[in-house]
Amino acid sequence: MKILSRFSALLLASAMLAGPALSAELRIGLQDDADVLDPAQSRTFVGRIVYTAMCDKLVDVSPDLKIVPQLATEWAWSADGKELTMKLREGVKFHDDTPFNAAAVVATIERNKTLPESRRKSELTSVEKVEATGDYAVKFTLKAPDVTLLAQLSDRAGMIVSPKAAAELGANFGSKPVCAGPFKFVERIQQDRIVLEKFADYWDKDKVFIDKVTYLPIPDTTVRLANLRSGELDMIERLAATDATSVKADDSLTYSDVVNIGYMALYVNIANGARADNPFGKDKRLRQAFSLAIDREALNQVVYEGTAVGGNQPFPPNSPWFNKDLPVPARDLEKAKALIKEAGFERVPIEMQIPNNPVAAQMMQIVQAMVAEAGFDVSLKTTEFATLLSEQTAGNYQLSRSDWSGRVDPDGNLHQFVTCEGGINDTKYCNPEVDTLLNEARASTDDAVRKQKYDAAGKILNDDLPVIYLGHQSWIWATKKEVTGFVPSPDGMIRLLGVKKG
């Protein structure tokens, strides 16, 4: 009987080899669940990872942080910097088989600018109008020069969606997104999975070797890694730094990392509704004291085992945009205590909301202990990340820990968070002088001039502290050995062109 079973197994194996090749599914473990899958409305980092497979943009970012062609094949600025013209790729289809063309670009940009729920408005605020100048040519006319626009078009603002689907679904587009990327939407179950499948008519289909992609949100980094090792997952993002050594030593896994262009930060509710009415939101001396009570280098060494660096700005210390006149502050408990006393307090109670992943929890528990020595009584409120962002937007928080994945242009790390009408200004901080400086930085094509503007704005923000920066971590990935072709990028995205399994 045993011989018969082995013979049957051999026959079955032979039949499988003779038939069509088995489809390749890639299962990717994400640290969080994405929010709404509409490029106009979303804001989560993991949402951008999903879009990288699903929604092509006008331009993309290369691993060396250069702007490169995607749906636009070439572009040029006018001499006065107020017009951007683009030639578009021909022969491209959306996932609903409608054609990609200049009209689709115009429709998407207008949607991003006018949809009531759109978070892209501040990213496109400089655009006066966009028009088709041919079937495959568009022109952006700007209100004033804005050198950052190209970088904005390399992210969600430049993801072109099907005009047909957008018109039919409106604000509900995220329930069944239709884009022009290598993979098309299949299903989404909140807090469980997002499933995409290969789009047969993708314009660059010869570089697509995966048939199906399933993204699974698993906030616990230990569980995420255990699932990778057991074979339930093929790839995980944001591997805990504490697990780096063991992954490097595991012959069945591949380790990848790269320093990111974003930051880890605490957002203070300055003027976002009733919950801003508290001493910490009203008195910058308390925020300065809180910042001074944190030992950033020790914090990052302990939590990230040397893979992260302390920071006090939206740019890491090795960035050309970092203001060296504002070095990362050393911990100063005596000065922190003096500032609290000057503000009229002995102890200051604060509720801080944090995401429900172990690494962030560990980091904030250390911060909690550090600032307690100065006089802050911090209570931690743990919540799922998409919910945390929703609470930030609604103003239902006092202090909130949220990371930003970073943008290739410095404007993307700053403008939308701290300008009065910024699309992700959840603190509702508003300082006209900061607005003027950051708007002027957008208008200049001279990096030296831009640097002066960012430095001046940074000095004000470092004093007001609507955002308290903590540091800058590395993106770390782990994959099964049979997954090849993945190229790590400082923007943290998982680009699947060229990736193979098996």
Protein backbone atom coordinates (compact mmCIF):
# COMPACT_ATOMS: atom_id res chain seq x y z
CA MET A 1 0.00 0.00 0.00
CA LYS A 2 2.91 2.31 0.87
CA ILE A 3 4.50 1.60 -2.57
CA LEU A 4 1.24 2.46 -4.31
CA SER A 5 1.04 5.75 -2.43
CA ARG A 6 4.56 6.73 -3.48
CA PHE A 7 3.86 5.76 -7.11
CA SER A 8 0.65 7.83 -7.08
CA ALA A 9 2.53 10.79 -5.66
CA LEU A 10 5.14 10.56 -8.43
CA LEU A 11 2.43 10.46 -11.09
CA LEU A 12 0.75 13.51 -9.58
CA ALA A 13 4.03 15.40 -9.44
CA SER A 14 4.77 14.55 -13.07
CA ALA A 15 1.35 15.74 -14.15
CA MET A 16 1.86 19.03 -12.34
CA LEU A 17 5.22 19.58 -13.97
CA ALA A 18 3.80 18.83 -17.41
CA GLY A 19 0.88 21.23 -16.92
CA PRO A 20 0.86 25.04 -16.60
CA ALA A 21 3.30 26.59 -14.12
CA LEU A 22 1.91 27.14 -10.65
CA SER A 23 0.90 30.73 -10.03
CA ALA A 24 3.26 32.72 -7.79
CA GLU A 25 1.64 34.40 -4.81
CA LEU A 26 3.57 36.84 -2.67
CA ARG A 27 2.33 37.32 0.90
CA ILE A 28 3.62 40.50 2.51
CA GLY A 29 3.31 41.25 6.22
CA LEU A 30 2.64 44.95 6.96
CA GLN A 31 3.04 46.64 10.32
CA ASP A 32 -0.32 48.40 10.06
CA ASP A 33 -3.55 48.25 8.11
CA ALA A 34 -4.01 50.81 5.36
CA ASP A 35 -6.69 53.44 5.61
CA VAL A 36 -9.02 54.20 2.67
CA LEU A 37 -7.54 52.98 -0.65
CA ASP A 38 -8.14 56.22 -2.50
CA PRO A 39 -4.98 58.17 -3.42
CA ALA A 40 -6.91 61.41 -3.01
CA GLN A 41 -8.00 60.64 0.54
CA SER A 42 -5.47 58.35 2.17
CA ARG A 43 -2.54 59.17 4.42
CA THR A 44 -1.01 55.93 5.75
CA PHE A 45 2.47 54.71 4.93
CA VAL A 46 1.30 51.15 4.30
CA GLY A 47 -1.35 52.50 1.95
CA ARG A 48 1.50 53.89 -0.14
CA ILE A 49 3.12 50.44 -0.18
CA VAL A 50 -0.10 48.96 -1.62
CA TYR A 51 -0.37 51.80 -4.15
CA THR A 52 3.17 51.10 -5.35
CA ALA A 53 1.84 47.84 -6.78
CA MET A 54 -1.59 49.12 -7.77
CA CYS A 55 -1.39 52.76 -8.87
CA ASP A 56 1.26 54.06 -11.24
CA LYS A 57 2.20 57.73 -10.90
CA LEU A 58 3.26 60.37 -13.39
CA VAL A 59 6.83 60.00 -12.12
CA ASP A 60 8.54 57.69 -9.65
CA VAL A 61 11.56 57.86 -7.32
CA SER A 62 14.64 55.72 -7.92
CA PRO A 63 16.64 54.04 -5.11
CA ASP A 64 19.14 56.91 -5.34
CA LEU A 65 16.23 59.38 -4.85
CA LYS A 66 16.11 60.71 -8.40
CA ILE A 67 12.81 61.54 -10.14
CA VAL A 68 12.35 59.04 -13.00
CA PRO A 69 9.65 58.46 -15.66
CA GLN A 70 6.57 56.33 -15.07
CA LEU A 71 3.30 57.41 -16.72
CA ALA A 72 5.04 60.56 -17.92
CA THR A 73 8.01 59.87 -20.18
CA GLU A 74 9.55 63.35 -20.14
CA TRP A 75 8.92 66.82 -18.72
CA ALA A 76 10.22 70.37 -18.82
CA TRP A 77 9.86 73.62 -16.85
CA SER A 78 9.32 77.00 -18.46
CA ALA A 79 11.98 79.65 -17.95
CA ASP A 80 9.90 81.45 -15.31
CA GLY A 81 9.16 78.21 -13.44
CA LYS A 82 5.39 78.66 -13.75
CA GLU A 83 4.66 75.99 -16.35
CA LEU A 84 5.41 72.28 -16.24
CA THR A 85 4.80 70.34 -19.45
CA MET A 86 4.72 66.57 -19.64
CA LYS A 87 4.67 63.98 -22.40
CA LEU A 88 2.66 60.91 -21.42
CA ARG A 89 3.18 57.23 -22.06
CA GLU A 90 1.04 55.78 -24.86
CA GLY A 91 -0.60 52.35 -24.88
CA VAL A 92 -1.47 52.33 -21.17
CA LYS A 93 -4.77 50.99 -19.82
CA PHE A 94 -6.52 51.30 -16.49
CA HIS A 95 -7.64 48.12 -14.74
CA ASP A 96 -11.19 48.65 -16.06
CA ASP A 97 -9.78 48.71 -19.63
CA THR A 98 -10.41 52.42 -20.12
CA PRO A 99 -7.49 54.17 -21.82
CA PHE A 100 -4.92 56.28 -20.02
CA ASN A 101 -4.44 59.66 -21.71
CA ALA A 102 -4.13 63.38 -21.05
CA ALA A 103 -7.83 63.66 -20.23
CA ALA A 104 -7.39 61.09 -17.44
CA VAL A 105 -4.51 63.08 -15.96
CA VAL A 106 -6.55 66.28 -16.01
CA ALA A 107 -9.52 64.52 -14.40
CA THR A 108 -7.38 63.05 -11.61
CA ILE A 109 -5.59 66.30 -10.80
CA GLU A 110 -8.90 68.18 -10.75
CA ARG A 111 -10.35 65.50 -8.48
CA ASN A 112 -7.39 65.82 -6.12
CA LYS A 113 -7.88 69.59 -6.01
CA THR A 114 -11.66 69.69 -5.62
CA LEU A 115 -12.94 66.49 -3.97
CA PRO A 116 -14.17 67.64 -0.53
CA GLU A 117 -12.48 64.67 1.15
CA SER A 118 -9.16 65.10 -0.69
CA ARG A 119 -5.95 65.35 1.33
CA ARG A 120 -3.95 66.29 -1.74
CA LYS A 121 -5.18 69.88 -1.93
CA SER A 122 -2.24 71.42 -0.08
CA GLU A 123 0.20 69.38 -2.17
CA LEU A 124 -1.32 70.88 -5.33
CA THR A 125 -2.09 74.33 -3.97
CA SER A 126 0.35 75.96 -6.41
CA VAL A 127 -1.48 74.55 -9.46
CA GLU A 128 -3.69 77.16 -11.09
CA LYS A 129 -4.87 74.77 -13.78
CA VAL A 130 -3.95 71.61 -15.64
CA GLU A 131 -4.91 71.11 -19.27
CA ALA A 132 -4.47 68.61 -22.07
CA THR A 133 -2.35 70.02 -24.86
CA GLY A 134 -2.65 66.86 -26.92
CA ASP A 135 -3.87 63.30 -26.48
CA TYR A 136 -0.69 62.46 -24.61
CA ALA A 137 0.55 65.83 -23.39
CA VAL A 138 -0.42 67.97 -20.39
CA LYS A 139 0.53 71.37 -19.07
CA PHE A 140 0.46 72.47 -15.43
CA THR A 141 0.13 76.23 -15.04
CA LEU A 142 1.15 77.43 -11.59
CA LYS A 143 0.08 80.43 -9.54
CA ALA A 144 3.72 80.91 -8.61
CA PRO A 145 6.89 78.90 -9.16
CA ASP A 146 6.80 75.65 -7.19
CA VAL A 147 9.84 73.43 -7.58
CA THR A 148 8.29 70.83 -5.26
CA LEU A 149 5.45 69.92 -7.64
CA LEU A 150 7.41 67.22 -9.45
CA ALA A 151 8.13 65.47 -6.14
CA GLN A 152 4.43 65.69 -5.21
CA LEU A 153 3.58 64.01 -8.52
CA SER A 154 5.90 61.14 -7.57
CA ASP A 155 3.51 60.25 -4.76
CA ARG A 156 -0.26 60.09 -4.20
CA ALA A 157 -0.96 63.43 -5.86
CA GLY A 158 0.44 62.00 -9.10
CA MET A 159 -1.32 58.62 -9.00
CA ILE A 160 -3.68 58.66 -11.97
CA VAL A 161 -7.00 56.88 -11.44
CA SER A 162 -9.63 55.74 -13.91
CA PRO A 163 -11.92 58.72 -14.65
CA LYS A 164 -14.79 56.30 -15.25
CA ALA A 165 -14.43 54.63 -11.84
CA ALA A 166 -13.81 57.94 -10.08
CA ALA A 167 -16.99 59.43 -11.57
CA GLU A 168 -19.07 56.38 -10.67
CA LEU A 169 -17.80 55.94 -7.12
CA GLY A 170 -16.98 59.49 -6.03
CA ALA A 171 -15.79 59.60 -2.40
CA ASN A 172 -16.38 55.84 -2.23
CA PHE A 173 -13.62 55.16 -4.79
CA GLY A 174 -11.59 53.37 -2.11
CA SER A 175 -14.12 50.52 -2.01
CA LYS A 176 -13.00 49.41 -5.47
CA PRO A 177 -9.96 51.40 -6.61
CA VAL A 178 -9.09 51.36 -10.30
CA CYS A 179 -5.61 52.51 -11.31
CA ALA A 180 -2.99 51.69 -13.96
CA GLY A 181 -0.36 49.79 -11.99
CA PRO A 182 1.04 46.26 -12.45
CA PHE A 183 -1.53 44.75 -10.06
CA LYS A 184 -5.28 45.31 -9.84
CA PHE A 185 -7.57 45.32 -6.83
CA VAL A 186 -9.40 42.08 -5.91
CA GLU A 187 -10.65 42.44 -2.35
CA ARG A 188 -10.07 44.11 0.97
CA ILE A 189 -11.12 42.91 4.43
CA GLN A 190 -10.34 45.51 7.08
CA GLN A 191 -7.67 44.45 9.58
CA ASP A 192 -7.23 41.16 7.70
CA ARG A 193 -5.97 41.45 4.13
CA ILE A 194 -5.73 43.37 0.87
CA VAL A 195 -5.53 41.19 -2.24
CA LEU A 196 -4.26 42.25 -5.68
CA GLU A 197 -3.68 40.22 -8.83
CA LYS A 198 -1.46 40.70 -11.85
CA PHE A 199 -2.90 43.01 -14.51
CA ALA A 200 -2.44 41.19 -17.83
CA ASP A 201 -2.44 44.42 -19.88
CA TYR A 202 0.09 46.35 -17.79
CA TRP A 203 2.33 48.47 -20.01
CA ASP A 204 5.54 47.01 -18.51
CA LYS A 205 4.22 43.47 -17.95
CA ASP A 206 7.48 41.77 -18.93
CA LYS A 207 8.89 42.82 -15.53
CA VAL A 208 5.98 41.34 -13.54
CA PHE A 209 6.72 37.82 -12.28
CA ILE A 210 4.20 37.61 -9.43
CA ASP A 211 0.58 36.59 -10.13
CA LYS A 212 -1.04 37.54 -6.84
CA VAL A 213 -0.09 39.81 -3.94
CA THR A 214 -1.70 39.58 -0.51
CA TYR A 215 -0.92 42.23 2.10
CA LEU A 216 -1.60 41.20 5.70
CA PRO A 217 -1.53 43.74 8.56
CA ILE A 218 0.29 42.23 11.56
CA PRO A 219 1.20 44.99 14.05
CA ASP A 220 3.19 42.70 16.37
CA THR A 221 6.73 42.55 14.99
CA THR A 222 7.45 39.25 16.75
CA VAL A 223 4.36 37.63 15.25
CA ARG A 224 5.20 39.09 11.85
CA LEU A 225 8.66 37.52 11.91
CA ALA A 226 7.31 34.20 13.24
CA ASN A 227 4.88 34.09 10.30
CA LEU A 228 7.75 34.72 7.90
CA ARG A 229 9.81 31.92 9.41
CA SER A 230 6.87 29.50 9.35
CA GLY A 231 6.24 30.16 5.66
CA GLU A 232 2.91 31.96 6.15
CA LEU A 233 4.56 35.10 4.79
CA ASP A 234 7.15 35.65 2.06
CA MET A 235 8.21 39.15 3.07
CA ILE A 236 7.85 41.57 5.97
CA GLU A 237 8.49 45.28 6.21
CA ARG A 238 9.77 47.15 9.28
CA LEU A 239 11.55 44.22 10.87
CA ALA A 240 12.33 45.12 14.49
CA ALA A 241 15.95 46.21 14.86
CA THR A 242 16.22 43.78 17.78
CA ASP A 243 15.63 40.92 15.33
CA ALA A 244 18.20 42.02 12.75
CA THR A 245 21.01 39.83 14.06
CA SER A 246 18.92 36.67 14.15
CA VAL A 247 17.57 37.27 10.63
CA LYS A 248 21.07 37.81 9.25
CA ALA A 249 22.07 34.49 10.78
CA ASP A 250 19.07 32.61 9.33
CA ASP A 251 20.03 30.82 6.11
CA SER A 252 16.37 30.67 5.02
CA LEU A 253 15.96 34.47 5.09
CA THR A 254 17.39 37.54 3.36
CA TYR A 255 17.97 40.78 5.28
CA SER A 256 17.78 44.25 3.65
CA ASP A 257 17.96 47.74 5.14
CA VAL A 258 18.43 51.38 4.17
CA VAL A 259 18.36 54.66 6.13
CA ASN A 260 15.05 56.37 5.53
CA ILE A 261 14.22 59.96 4.61
CA GLY A 262 11.43 60.35 7.17
CA TYR A 263 11.18 60.79 10.92
CA MET A 264 9.58 59.66 14.18
CA ALA A 265 7.66 62.38 15.97
CA LEU A 266 5.10 63.46 18.55
CA TYR A 267 2.27 65.72 17.39
CA VAL A 268 0.88 68.22 19.89
CA ASN A 269 -2.75 69.31 19.72
CA ILE A 270 -2.23 73.08 19.50
CA ALA A 271 -5.63 74.25 18.27
CA ASN A 272 -7.57 71.26 16.93
CA GLY A 273 -10.84 71.41 18.84
CA ALA A 274 -11.73 71.24 22.53
CA ARG A 275 -8.95 68.83 23.50
CA ALA A 276 -6.36 71.46 22.60
CA ASP A 277 -7.55 73.40 25.64
CA ASN A 278 -4.89 72.10 28.01
CA PRO A 279 -1.60 73.54 29.35
CA PHE A 280 0.62 71.43 27.10
CA GLY A 281 -1.15 72.62 23.96
CA LYS A 282 -1.25 76.25 25.10
CA ASP A 283 2.22 76.84 26.57
CA LYS A 284 5.31 76.22 24.45
CA ARG A 285 7.51 76.21 27.58
CA LEU A 286 5.97 72.90 28.58
CA ARG A 287 6.64 71.46 25.13
CA GLN A 288 10.23 72.69 25.30
CA ALA A 289 10.60 71.06 28.73
CA PHE A 290 9.18 67.79 27.41
CA SER A 291 11.66 67.80 24.53
CA LEU A 292 14.60 68.56 26.84
CA ALA A 293 13.64 65.67 29.13
CA ILE A 294 14.24 63.13 26.34
CA ASP A 295 17.65 61.57 25.73
CA ARG A 296 17.25 60.97 22.02
CA GLU A 297 20.49 59.13 21.39
CA ALA A 298 19.98 56.76 24.31
CA LEU A 299 16.36 56.24 23.26
CA ASN A 300 17.26 55.25 19.73
CA GLN A 301 20.23 53.12 20.74
CA VAL A 302 18.13 51.11 23.20
CA VAL A 303 15.04 50.64 21.03
CA TYR A 304 16.66 50.37 17.61
CA GLU A 305 20.04 48.86 18.59
CA GLY A 306 22.08 51.43 16.74
CA THR A 307 20.10 51.35 13.49
CA ALA A 308 18.39 54.71 14.22
CA VAL A 309 19.72 58.18 15.04
CA GLY A 310 18.32 60.88 17.29
CA GLY A 311 16.76 63.89 15.60
CA ASN A 312 15.05 67.20 16.29
CA GLN A 313 14.09 68.23 12.75
CA PRO A 314 12.09 66.82 9.84
CA PHE A 315 15.43 66.01 8.14
CA PRO A 316 18.01 63.54 9.51
CA PRO A 317 21.39 64.95 10.65
CA ASN A 318 23.11 63.55 7.52
CA SER A 319 20.69 65.40 5.22
CA PRO A 320 21.86 68.52 3.33
CA TRP A 321 18.65 70.18 4.57
CA PHE A 322 19.47 69.66 8.27
CA ASN A 323 20.03 72.95 10.13
CA LYS A 324 23.39 72.54 11.90
CA ASP A 325 22.70 75.66 13.95
CA LEU A 326 19.98 73.64 15.71
CA PRO A 327 21.83 70.52 16.81
CA VAL A 328 19.99 67.61 18.39
CA PRO A 329 19.59 68.75 22.01
CA ALA A 330 21.26 66.86 24.83
CA ARG A 331 19.01 65.85 27.70
CA ASP A 332 18.77 68.65 30.29
CA LEU A 333 16.53 67.71 33.21
CA GLU A 334 17.32 70.81 35.27
CA LYS A 335 16.36 73.16 32.45
CA ALA A 336 13.22 71.10 31.80
CA LYS A 337 12.19 71.35 35.45
CA ALA A 338 12.86 75.10 35.43
CA LEU A 339 10.64 75.61 32.38
CA ILE A 340 7.80 73.63 33.99
CA LYS A 341 8.12 75.73 37.15
CA GLU A 342 8.25 78.93 35.08
CA ALA A 343 4.98 77.87 33.43
CA GLY A 344 3.42 77.54 36.90
CA PHE A 345 3.36 73.77 37.35
CA GLU A 346 4.92 71.07 39.49
CA ARG A 347 3.46 68.09 37.63
CA VAL A 348 1.82 68.10 34.18
CA PRO A 349 -0.64 65.33 33.18
CA ILE A 350 -0.67 64.33 29.50
CA GLU A 351 -2.47 61.61 27.57
CA MET A 352 -0.39 60.30 24.67
CA GLN A 353 -1.89 58.05 22.01
CA ILE A 354 0.48 55.53 20.46
CA PRO A 355 0.18 52.87 17.72
CA ASN A 356 -0.37 49.27 18.71
CA ASN A 357 2.99 47.82 17.73
CA PRO A 358 5.57 46.60 20.27
CA VAL A 359 8.49 48.72 19.06
CA ALA A 360 6.55 51.99 19.25
CA ALA A 361 5.14 50.92 22.63
CA GLN A 362 8.62 50.19 23.98
CA MET A 363 9.91 53.53 22.74
CA MET A 364 7.05 55.49 24.27
CA GLN A 365 7.33 53.66 27.59
CA ILE A 366 10.96 54.80 27.74
CA VAL A 367 9.91 58.36 26.86
CA GLN A 368 7.21 58.13 29.52
CA ALA A 369 9.85 57.24 32.13
CA MET A 370 12.29 59.91 30.94
CA VAL A 371 9.85 62.81 31.05
CA ALA A 372 8.40 61.65 34.40
CA GLU A 373 11.73 62.64 35.96
CA ALA A 374 11.13 66.21 34.79
CA GLY A 375 7.53 66.43 35.98
CA PHE A 376 5.28 64.98 33.27
CA ASP A 377 2.72 62.32 34.17
CA VAL A 378 2.11 60.62 30.82
CA SER A 379 -0.65 58.07 30.36
CA LEU A 380 -0.38 55.94 27.23
CA LYS A 381 -3.42 55.18 25.08
CA THR A 382 -2.71 52.37 22.62
CA THR A 383 -4.75 52.17 19.43
CA GLU A 384 -4.67 50.68 15.92
CA PHE A 385 -2.69 52.95 13.60
CA ALA A 386 -5.42 53.94 11.13
CA THR A 387 -7.65 54.79 14.10
CA LEU A 388 -4.83 56.83 15.62
CA LEU A 389 -4.59 58.92 12.46
CA SER A 390 -8.35 59.36 12.37
CA GLU A 391 -8.30 60.59 15.98
CA GLN A 392 -5.49 63.02 15.11
CA THR A 393 -7.50 64.43 12.23
CA ALA A 394 -10.59 64.80 14.44
CA GLY A 395 -8.58 66.53 17.18
CA ASN A 396 -9.42 63.79 19.66
CA TYR A 397 -5.99 63.72 21.26
CA GLN A 398 -3.53 65.74 23.36
CA LEU A 399 -0.24 64.21 22.21
CA SER A 400 0.14 61.60 19.47
CA ARG A 401 3.06 59.48 18.24
CA SER A 402 3.09 59.12 14.46
CA ASP A 403 5.94 58.47 12.03
CA TRP A 404 6.36 60.03 8.60
CA SER A 405 7.94 57.96 5.86
CA GLY A 406 9.62 60.96 4.25
CA ARG A 407 9.64 62.58 0.83
CA VAL A 408 12.36 63.14 -1.70
CA ASP A 409 11.86 66.93 -1.59
CA PRO A 410 12.20 68.64 1.85
CA ASP A 411 8.88 70.39 1.34
CA GLY A 412 7.13 67.02 1.64
CA ASN A 413 8.46 66.54 5.18
CA LEU A 414 7.25 69.91 6.41
CA HIS A 415 4.79 72.10 4.50
CA GLN A 416 1.63 70.00 4.81
CA PHE A 417 2.17 69.45 8.55
CA VAL A 418 2.77 72.98 9.83
CA THR A 419 1.28 75.52 7.41
CA CYS A 420 -2.06 77.01 8.43
CA GLU A 421 -4.04 75.17 5.73
CA GLY A 422 -1.75 72.14 5.45
CA GLY A 423 -3.52 68.97 4.38
CA ILE A 424 -2.11 66.93 7.29
CA ASN A 425 -1.87 69.72 9.86
CA ASP A 426 -3.55 67.75 12.64
CA THR A 427 -2.04 70.02 15.30
CA LYS A 428 -3.76 73.07 13.71
CA TYR A 429 -0.62 75.07 14.42
CA CYS A 430 -0.71 78.30 12.43
CA ASN A 431 2.06 80.87 12.16
CA PRO A 432 1.87 83.24 9.14
CA GLU A 433 5.65 83.78 9.26
CA VAL A 434 6.26 80.05 8.88
CA ASP A 435 3.75 79.93 6.03
CA THR A 436 5.56 82.74 4.22
CA LEU A 437 8.98 81.10 4.59
CA LEU A 438 7.79 77.66 3.44
CA ASN A 439 5.83 79.10 0.51
CA GLU A 440 8.90 81.09 -0.56
CA ALA A 441 11.02 77.94 -0.32
CA ARG A 442 8.60 76.25 -2.71
CA ALA A 443 8.96 79.06 -5.21
CA SER A 444 12.75 79.06 -5.54
CA THR A 445 14.76 76.83 -7.85
CA ASP A 446 17.95 77.81 -5.98
CA ASP A 447 18.76 75.23 -3.30
CA ALA A 448 20.83 77.74 -1.32
CA VAL A 449 17.85 80.09 -1.10
CA ARG A 450 15.56 77.24 -0.17
CA LYS A 451 17.97 76.14 2.57
CA GLN A 452 17.89 79.63 4.10
CA LYS A 453 14.08 79.56 4.16
CA TYR A 454 13.90 76.09 5.74
CA ASP A 455 16.50 77.08 8.33
CA ALA A 456 14.54 80.19 9.29
CA ALA A 457 11.26 78.27 9.52
CA GLY A 458 12.98 75.53 11.49
CA LYS A 459 14.20 78.01 14.08
CA ILE A 460 10.62 79.16 14.73
CA LEU A 461 9.26 75.62 14.79
CA ASN A 462 12.02 74.50 17.14
CA ASP A 463 10.83 77.16 19.56
CA ASP A 464 7.07 76.63 19.16
CA LEU A 465 7.31 72.80 18.95
CA PRO A 466 3.94 71.83 17.46
CA VAL A 467 5.83 68.69 16.40
CA ILE A 468 8.46 67.15 18.68
CA TYR A 469 10.87 65.13 16.55
CA LEU A 470 12.47 62.06 18.13
CA GLY A 471 14.72 60.58 15.46
CA HIS A 472 15.16 58.77 12.19
CA GLN A 473 15.10 55.01 11.74
CA SER A 474 16.16 52.66 8.98
CA TRP A 475 13.74 50.70 6.86
CA ILE A 476 14.42 47.02 7.45
CA TRP A 477 12.94 44.16 5.42
CA ALA A 478 13.22 40.39 5.69
CA THR A 479 12.25 37.98 2.91
CA LYS A 480 12.28 34.25 2.31
CA LYS A 481 15.38 33.17 0.43
CA GLU A 482 13.33 32.16 -2.62
CA VAL A 483 12.16 35.76 -3.08
CA THR A 484 14.66 37.56 -5.30
CA GLY A 485 14.91 40.85 -7.16
CA PHE A 486 13.76 43.17 -4.34
CA VAL A 487 15.66 46.47 -4.27
CA PRO A 488 15.44 48.44 -0.98
CA SER A 489 14.71 52.15 -1.35
CA PRO A 490 15.06 55.02 1.17
CA ASP A 491 11.38 55.90 0.66
CA GLY A 492 10.40 52.55 2.21
CA MET A 493 8.27 51.41 -0.71
CA ILE A 494 8.11 47.79 -1.88
CA ARG A 495 8.41 47.89 -5.67
CA LEU A 496 7.46 44.55 -7.20
CA LEU A 497 8.69 44.93 -10.77
CA GLY A 498 11.51 42.42 -11.16
CA VAL A 499 10.64 40.54 -7.98
CA LYS A 500 10.42 36.75 -8.34
CA LYS A 501 9.43 33.92 -6.06
CA GLY A 502 10.90 30.46 -6.42
